[in-house]
Amino acid sequence: MPSLSIRKIDVETLNLLRQQAVQHGISMEEEVRQIIKQSVTTPENIGDMAVRLFTPVYGDALNIAPREVFEPISFE
């Protein structure tokens, strides 16, 4: 698998990266891999996000009540 070296990272950035990795319970190397992957992948579209978020709550199909049809208003 290819590797990547990054030079000239300031100390503050490195410390913040280390803290973030500790918070996620992973190595700094894995943290960087995840950050890079997230930054270059296509963002999730809104429809897929809605399905992912609401399917566990509502099941496979949302129960939407049928629309009521009303007669148009007459102004005579």
PDB file of N, CA and C in Angstrom:
ATOM      1  N   MET A   1       0.852  -1.171   0.000  1.00  0.00           N
ATOM      2  CA  MET A   1       0.000   0.000   0.000  1.00  0.00           C
ATOM      3  C   MET A   1       0.900   1.237   0.000  1.00  0.00           C
ATOM      4  N   PRO A   2       0.561   2.263  -0.759  1.00  0.00           N
ATOM      5  CA  PRO A   2       1.390   3.465  -0.821  1.00  0.00           C
ATOM      6  C   PRO A   2       1.425   4.200   0.519  1.00  0.00           C
ATOM      7  N   SER A   3       2.435   5.010   0.684  1.00  0.00           N
ATOM      8  CA  SER A   3       2.543   5.822   1.893  1.00  0.00           C
ATOM      9  C   SER A   3       2.734   7.275   1.489  1.00  0.00           C
ATOM     10  N   LEU A   4       2.572   8.156   2.456  1.00  0.00           N
ATOM     11  CA  LEU A   4       2.649   9.588   2.219  1.00  0.00           C
ATOM     12  C   LEU A   4       3.370  10.231   3.388  1.00  0.00           C
ATOM     13  N   SER A   5       4.326  11.099   3.099  1.00  0.00           N
ATOM     14  CA  SER A   5       5.023  11.849   4.148  1.00  0.00           C
ATOM     15  C   SER A   5       4.611  13.307   4.039  1.00  0.00           C
ATOM     16  N   ILE A   6       4.349  13.904   5.175  1.00  0.00           N
ATOM     17  CA  ILE A   6       3.960  15.312   5.203  1.00  0.00           C
ATOM     18  C   ILE A   6       4.974  16.055   6.059  1.00  0.00           C
ATOM     19  N   ARG A   7       5.574  17.054   5.460  1.00  0.00           N
ATOM     20  CA  ARG A   7       6.603  17.829   6.166  1.00  0.00           C
ATOM     21  C   ARG A   7       6.059  19.202   6.542  1.00  0.00           C
ATOM     22  N   LYS A   8       6.780  19.845   7.434  1.00  0.00           N
ATOM     23  CA  LYS A   8       6.529  21.234   7.838  1.00  0.00           C
ATOM     24  C   LYS A   8       5.141  21.434   8.454  1.00  0.00           C
ATOM     25  N   ILE A   9       4.748  20.537   9.343  1.00  0.00           N
ATOM     26  CA  ILE A   9       3.517  20.694  10.114  1.00  0.00           C
ATOM     27  C   ILE A   9       3.885  21.417  11.396  1.00  0.00           C
ATOM     28  N   ASP A  10       3.184  22.513  11.679  1.00  0.00           N
ATOM     29  CA  ASP A  10       3.540  23.261  12.882  1.00  0.00           C
ATOM     30  C   ASP A  10       3.136  22.476  14.133  1.00  0.00           C
ATOM     31  N   VAL A  11       3.782  22.790  15.223  1.00  0.00           N
ATOM     32  CA  VAL A  11       3.620  22.042  16.477  1.00  0.00           C
ATOM     33  C   VAL A  11       2.192  22.110  16.982  1.00  0.00           C
ATOM     34  N   GLU A  12       1.559  23.256  16.873  1.00  0.00           N
ATOM     35  CA  GLU A  12       0.187  23.403  17.364  1.00  0.00           C
ATOM     36  C   GLU A  12      -0.763  22.471  16.600  1.00  0.00           C
ATOM     37  N   THR A  13      -0.628  22.417  15.290  1.00  0.00           N
ATOM     38  CA  THR A  13      -1.465  21.529  14.486  1.00  0.00           C
ATOM     39  C   THR A  13      -1.228  20.074  14.857  1.00  0.00           C
ATOM     40  N   LEU A  14       0.015  19.714  15.044  1.00  0.00           N
ATOM     41  CA  LEU A  14       0.356  18.351  15.420  1.00  0.00           C
ATOM     42  C   LEU A  14      -0.243  17.986  16.780  1.00  0.00           C
ATOM     43  N   ASN A  15      -0.165  18.902  17.733  1.00  0.00           N
ATOM     44  CA  ASN A  15      -0.750  18.657  19.056  1.00  0.00           C
ATOM     45  C   ASN A  15      -2.266  18.512  18.976  1.00  0.00           C
ATOM     46  N   LEU A  16      -2.924  19.360  18.170  1.00  0.00           N
ATOM     47  CA  LEU A  16      -4.372  19.259  18.020  1.00  0.00           C
ATOM     48  C   LEU A  16      -4.763  17.944  17.361  1.00  0.00           C
ATOM     49  N   LEU A  17      -3.983  17.522  16.391  1.00  0.00           N
ATOM     50  CA  LEU A  17      -4.219  16.246  15.729  1.00  0.00           C
ATOM     51  C   LEU A  17      -4.065  15.092  16.712  1.00  0.00           C
ATOM     52  N   ARG A  18      -3.044  15.164  17.537  1.00  0.00           N
ATOM     53  CA  ARG A  18      -2.811  14.126  18.546  1.00  0.00           C
ATOM     54  C   ARG A  18      -3.995  14.062  19.525  1.00  0.00           C
ATOM     55  N   GLN A  19      -4.474  15.228  19.980  1.00  0.00           N
ATOM     56  CA  GLN A  19      -5.609  15.275  20.906  1.00  0.00           C
ATOM     57  C   GLN A  19      -6.874  14.695  20.264  1.00  0.00           C
ATOM     58  N   GLN A  20      -7.086  15.034  19.004  1.00  0.00           N
ATOM     59  CA  GLN A  20      -8.269  14.534  18.304  1.00  0.00           C
ATOM     60  C   GLN A  20      -8.210  13.019  18.150  1.00  0.00           C
ATOM     61  N   ALA A  21      -7.045  12.495  17.853  1.00  0.00           N
ATOM     62  CA  ALA A  21      -6.876  11.044  17.730  1.00  0.00           C
ATOM     63  C   ALA A  21      -7.148  10.353  19.061  1.00  0.00           C
ATOM     64  N   VAL A  22      -6.670  10.933  20.143  1.00  0.00           N
ATOM     65  CA  VAL A  22      -6.912  10.368  21.471  1.00  0.00           C
ATOM     66  C   VAL A  22      -8.406  10.367  21.774  1.00  0.00           C
ATOM     67  N   GLN A  23      -9.107  11.465  21.440  1.00  0.00           N
ATOM     68  CA  GLN A  23     -10.551  11.535  21.677  1.00  0.00           C
ATOM     69  C   GLN A  23     -11.304  10.459  20.898  1.00  0.00           C
ATOM     70  N   HIS A  24     -10.814  10.149  19.695  1.00  0.00           N
ATOM     71  CA  HIS A  24     -11.461   9.121  18.884  1.00  0.00           C
ATOM     72  C   HIS A  24     -10.948   7.727  19.207  1.00  0.00           C
ATOM     73  N   GLY A  25      -9.946   7.634  20.046  1.00  0.00           N
ATOM     74  CA  GLY A  25      -9.418   6.335  20.451  1.00  0.00           C
ATOM     75  C   GLY A  25      -8.662   5.614  19.351  1.00  0.00           C
ATOM     76  N   ILE A  26      -8.026   6.379  18.473  1.00  0.00           N
ATOM     77  CA  ILE A  26      -7.276   5.788  17.366  1.00  0.00           C
ATOM     78  C   ILE A  26      -5.901   6.433  17.293  1.00  0.00           C
ATOM     79  N   SER A  27      -5.034   5.860  16.475  1.00  0.00           N
ATOM     80  CA  SER A  27      -3.689   6.412  16.319  1.00  0.00           C
ATOM     81  C   SER A  27      -3.748   7.695  15.493  1.00  0.00           C
ATOM     82  N   MET A  28      -2.703   8.493  15.582  1.00  0.00           N
ATOM     83  CA  MET A  28      -2.626   9.707  14.775  1.00  0.00           C
ATOM     84  C   MET A  28      -2.624   9.349  13.294  1.00  0.00           C
ATOM     85  N   GLU A  29      -1.946   8.283  12.952  1.00  0.00           N
ATOM     86  CA  GLU A  29      -1.884   7.863  11.557  1.00  0.00           C
ATOM     87  C   GLU A  29      -3.276   7.520  11.022  1.00  0.00           C
ATOM     88  N   GLU A  30      -4.053   6.804  11.813  1.00  0.00           N
ATOM     89  CA  GLU A  30      -5.419   6.456  11.405  1.00  0.00           C
ATOM     90  C   GLU A  30      -6.288   7.709  11.337  1.00  0.00           C
ATOM     91  N   GLU A  31      -6.093   8.613  12.269  1.00  0.00           N
ATOM     92  CA  GLU A  31      -6.845   9.879  12.272  1.00  0.00           C
ATOM     93  C   GLU A  31      -6.596  10.639  10.971  1.00  0.00           C
ATOM     94  N   VAL A  32      -5.348  10.716  10.565  1.00  0.00           N
ATOM     95  CA  VAL A  32      -4.995  11.419   9.329  1.00  0.00           C
ATOM     96  C   VAL A  32      -5.604  10.704   8.127  1.00  0.00           C
ATOM     97  N   ARG A  33      -5.561   9.366   8.106  1.00  0.00           N
ATOM     98  CA  ARG A  33      -6.169   8.614   7.007  1.00  0.00           C
ATOM     99  C   ARG A  33      -7.661   8.928   6.890  1.00  0.00           C
ATOM    100  N   GLN A  34      -8.341   8.962   8.027  1.00  0.00           N
ATOM    101  CA  GLN A  34      -9.778   9.240   8.004  1.00  0.00           C
ATOM    102  C   GLN A  34     -10.066  10.674   7.552  1.00  0.00           C
ATOM    103  N   ILE A  35      -9.260  11.622   8.005  1.00  0.00           N
ATOM    104  CA  ILE A  35      -9.442  13.020   7.602  1.00  0.00           C
ATOM    105  C   ILE A  35      -9.248  13.168   6.099  1.00  0.00           C
ATOM    106  N   ILE A  36      -8.206  12.555   5.567  1.00  0.00           N
ATOM    107  CA  ILE A  36      -7.935  12.642   4.125  1.00  0.00           C
ATOM    108  C   ILE A  36      -9.059  11.987   3.337  1.00  0.00           C
ATOM    109  N   LYS A  37      -9.481  10.805   3.756  1.00  0.00           N
ATOM    110  CA  LYS A  37     -10.545  10.100   3.047  1.00  0.00           C
ATOM    111  C   LYS A  37     -11.830  10.912   3.046  1.00  0.00           C
ATOM    112  N   GLN A  38     -12.175  11.483   4.196  1.00  0.00           N
ATOM    113  CA  GLN A  38     -13.400  12.282   4.304  1.00  0.00           C
ATOM    114  C   GLN A  38     -13.327  13.523   3.417  1.00  0.00           C
ATOM    115  N   SER A  39     -12.160  14.112   3.292  1.00  0.00           N
ATOM    116  CA  SER A  39     -12.041  15.352   2.527  1.00  0.00           C
ATOM    117  C   SER A  39     -12.093  15.130   1.020  1.00  0.00           C
ATOM    118  N   VAL A  40     -11.803  13.920   0.548  1.00  0.00           N
ATOM    119  CA  VAL A  40     -11.778  13.688  -0.898  1.00  0.00           C
ATOM    120  C   VAL A  40     -12.957  12.863  -1.413  1.00  0.00           C
ATOM    121  N   THR A  41     -13.786  12.318  -0.530  1.00  0.00           N
ATOM    122  CA  THR A  41     -14.922  11.532  -0.987  1.00  0.00           C
ATOM    123  C   THR A  41     -16.103  12.439  -1.295  1.00  0.00           C
ATOM    124  N   THR A  42     -16.981  11.946  -2.153  1.00  0.00           N
ATOM    125  CA  THR A  42     -18.168  12.699  -2.548  1.00  0.00           C
ATOM    126  C   THR A  42     -19.108  12.799  -1.357  1.00  0.00           C
ATOM    127  N   PRO A  43     -19.618  13.996  -1.097  1.00  0.00           N
ATOM    128  CA  PRO A  43     -20.548  14.129   0.026  1.00  0.00           C
ATOM    129  C   PRO A  43     -21.854  13.378  -0.238  1.00  0.00           C
ATOM    130  N   GLU A  44     -22.474  12.963   0.812  1.00  0.00           N
ATOM    131  CA  GLU A  44     -23.729  12.225   0.729  1.00  0.00           C
ATOM    132  C   GLU A  44     -24.825  13.166   0.250  1.00  0.00           C
ATOM    133  N   ASN A  45     -25.667  12.720  -0.665  1.00  0.00           N
ATOM    134  CA  ASN A  45     -26.745  13.600  -1.104  1.00  0.00           C
ATOM    135  C   ASN A  45     -27.874  13.600  -0.078  1.00  0.00           C
ATOM    136  N   ILE A  46     -28.739  14.595  -0.128  1.00  0.00           N
ATOM    137  CA  ILE A  46     -29.741  14.810   0.907  1.00  0.00           C
ATOM    138  C   ILE A  46     -30.739  13.653   0.994  1.00  0.00           C
ATOM    139  N   GLY A  47     -31.081  13.053  -0.137  1.00  0.00           N
ATOM    140  CA  GLY A  47     -32.021  11.934  -0.114  1.00  0.00           C
ATOM    141  C   GLY A  47     -31.455  10.720   0.597  1.00  0.00           C
ATOM    142  N   ASP A  48     -30.190  10.391   0.287  1.00  0.00           N
ATOM    143  CA  ASP A  48     -29.548   9.263   0.964  1.00  0.00           C
ATOM    144  C   ASP A  48     -29.400   9.525   2.454  1.00  0.00           C
ATOM    145  N   MET A  49     -29.100  10.781   2.806  1.00  0.00           N
ATOM    146  CA  MET A  49     -28.954  11.128   4.209  1.00  0.00           C
ATOM    147  C   MET A  49     -30.303  10.965   4.929  1.00  0.00           C
ATOM    148  N   ALA A  50     -31.394  11.399   4.301  1.00  0.00           N
ATOM    149  CA  ALA A  50     -32.720  11.268   4.921  1.00  0.00           C
ATOM    150  C   ALA A  50     -33.064   9.798   5.154  1.00  0.00           C
ATOM    151  N   VAL A  51     -32.789   8.954   4.170  1.00  0.00           N
ATOM    152  CA  VAL A  51     -33.070   7.519   4.325  1.00  0.00           C
ATOM    153  C   VAL A  51     -32.242   6.943   5.461  1.00  0.00           C
ATOM    154  N   ARG A  52     -30.952   7.302   5.509  1.00  0.00           N
ATOM    155  CA  ARG A  52     -30.071   6.781   6.554  1.00  0.00           C
ATOM    156  C   ARG A  52     -30.529   7.237   7.942  1.00  0.00           C
ATOM    157  N   LEU A  53     -30.980   8.488   8.055  1.00  0.00           N
ATOM    158  CA  LEU A  53     -31.359   9.021   9.364  1.00  0.00           C
ATOM    159  C   LEU A  53     -32.735   8.557   9.825  1.00  0.00           C
ATOM    160  N   PHE A  54     -33.689   8.451   8.891  1.00  0.00           N
ATOM    161  CA  PHE A  54     -35.066   8.211   9.307  1.00  0.00           C
ATOM    162  C   PHE A  54     -35.525   6.763   9.180  1.00  0.00           C
ATOM    163  N   THR A  55     -34.825   5.929   8.439  1.00  0.00           N
ATOM    164  CA  THR A  55     -35.232   4.534   8.320  1.00  0.00           C
ATOM    165  C   THR A  55     -35.234   3.819   9.669  1.00  0.00           C
ATOM    166  N   PRO A  56     -34.212   4.000  10.520  1.00  0.00           N
ATOM    167  CA  PRO A  56     -34.269   3.320  11.827  1.00  0.00           C
ATOM    168  C   PRO A  56     -35.455   3.765  12.679  1.00  0.00           C
ATOM    169  N   VAL A  57     -35.926   4.983  12.487  1.00  0.00           N
ATOM    170  CA  VAL A  57     -37.025   5.502  13.300  1.00  0.00           C
ATOM    171  C   VAL A  57     -38.372   5.074  12.739  1.00  0.00           C
ATOM    172  N   TYR A  58     -38.532   5.176  11.413  1.00  0.00           N
ATOM    173  CA  TYR A  58     -39.829   4.948  10.794  1.00  0.00           C
ATOM    174  C   TYR A  58     -39.955   3.602  10.084  1.00  0.00           C
ATOM    175  N   GLY A  59     -38.919   2.804  10.051  1.00  0.00           N
ATOM    176  CA  GLY A  59     -38.974   1.539   9.337  1.00  0.00           C
ATOM    177  C   GLY A  59     -38.700   1.738   7.858  1.00  0.00           C
ATOM    178  N   ASP A  60     -39.021   0.718   7.091  1.00  0.00           N
ATOM    179  CA  ASP A  60     -38.721   0.768   5.659  1.00  0.00           C
ATOM    180  C   ASP A  60     -39.581   1.758   4.894  1.00  0.00           C
ATOM    181  N   ALA A  61     -40.758   2.027   5.363  1.00  0.00           N
ATOM    182  CA  ALA A  61     -41.628   2.955   4.640  1.00  0.00           C
ATOM    183  C   ALA A  61     -42.244   3.944   5.623  1.00  0.00           C
ATOM    184  N   LEU A  62     -42.273   5.180   5.220  1.00  0.00           N
ATOM    185  CA  LEU A  62     -42.935   6.191   6.030  1.00  0.00           C
ATOM    186  C   LEU A  62     -44.438   6.077   5.788  1.00  0.00           C
ATOM    187  N   ASN A  63     -45.217   6.122   6.847  1.00  0.00           N
ATOM    188  CA  ASN A  63     -46.670   6.079   6.705  1.00  0.00           C
ATOM    189  C   ASN A  63     -47.178   7.496   6.534  1.00  0.00           C
ATOM    190  N   ILE A  64     -47.445   7.833   5.295  1.00  0.00           N
ATOM    191  CA  ILE A  64     -47.924   9.179   4.986  1.00  0.00           C
ATOM    192  C   ILE A  64     -49.409   9.076   4.673  1.00  0.00           C
ATOM    193  N   ALA A  65     -50.199   9.875   5.352  1.00  0.00           N
ATOM    194  CA  ALA A  65     -51.642   9.846   5.151  1.00  0.00           C
ATOM    195  C   ALA A  65     -51.971  10.299   3.739  1.00  0.00           C
ATOM    196  N   PRO A  66     -52.990   9.687   3.138  1.00  0.00           N
ATOM    197  CA  PRO A  66     -53.371  10.120   1.794  1.00  0.00           C
ATOM    198  C   PRO A  66     -53.867  11.565   1.822  1.00  0.00           C
ATOM    199  N   ARG A  67     -53.632  12.243   0.715  1.00  0.00           N
ATOM    200  CA  ARG A  67     -54.056  13.642   0.623  1.00  0.00           C
ATOM    201  C   ARG A  67     -55.563  13.720   0.509  1.00  0.00           C
ATOM    202  N   GLU A  68     -56.123  14.739   1.118  1.00  0.00           N
ATOM    203  CA  GLU A  68     -57.548  14.993   0.974  1.00  0.00           C
ATOM    204  C   GLU A  68     -57.732  15.926  -0.208  1.00  0.00           C
ATOM    205  N   VAL A  69     -58.710  15.618  -1.033  1.00  0.00           N
ATOM    206  CA  VAL A  69     -58.989  16.452  -2.195  1.00  0.00           C
ATOM    207  C   VAL A  69     -60.185  17.328  -1.853  1.00  0.00           C
ATOM    208  N   PHE A  70     -60.002  18.617  -2.005  1.00  0.00           N
ATOM    209  CA  PHE A  70     -61.065  19.567  -1.713  1.00  0.00           C
ATOM    210  C   PHE A  70     -61.583  20.180  -3.014  1.00  0.00           C
ATOM    211  N   GLU A  71     -62.870  20.514  -3.009  1.00  0.00           N
ATOM    212  CA  GLU A  71     -63.436  21.190  -4.163  1.00  0.00           C
ATOM    213  C   GLU A  71     -62.948  22.637  -4.168  1.00  0.00           C
ATOM    214  N   PRO A  72     -62.731  23.189  -5.366  1.00  0.00           N
ATOM    215  CA  PRO A  72     -62.289  24.582  -5.422  1.00  0.00           C
ATOM    216  C   PRO A  72     -63.349  25.522  -4.859  1.00  0.00           C
ATOM    217  N   ILE A  73     -62.905  26.618  -4.332  1.00  0.00           N
ATOM    218  CA  ILE A  73     -63.790  27.615  -3.751  1.00  0.00           C
ATOM    219  C   ILE A  73     -64.523  28.321  -4.885  1.00  0.00           C
ATOM    220  N   SER A  74     -65.802  28.499  -4.702  1.00  0.00           N
ATOM    221  CA  SER A  74     -66.616  29.226  -5.686  1.00  0.00           C
ATOM    222  C   SER A  74     -66.885  30.617  -5.135  1.00  0.00           C
ATOM    223  N   PHE A  75     -66.646  31.637  -5.945  1.00  0.00           N
ATOM    224  CA  PHE A  75     -66.874  33.017  -5.506  1.00  0.00           C
ATOM    225  C   PHE A  75     -68.160  33.598  -6.079  1.00  0.00           C
ATOM    226  N   GLU A  76     -69.049  32.753  -6.561  1.00  0.00           N
ATOM    227  CA  GLU A  76     -70.309  33.261  -7.140  1.00  0.00           C
ATOM    228  C   GLU A  76     -71.380  33.375  -6.124  1.00  0.00           C
TER     229      GLU A  76
END
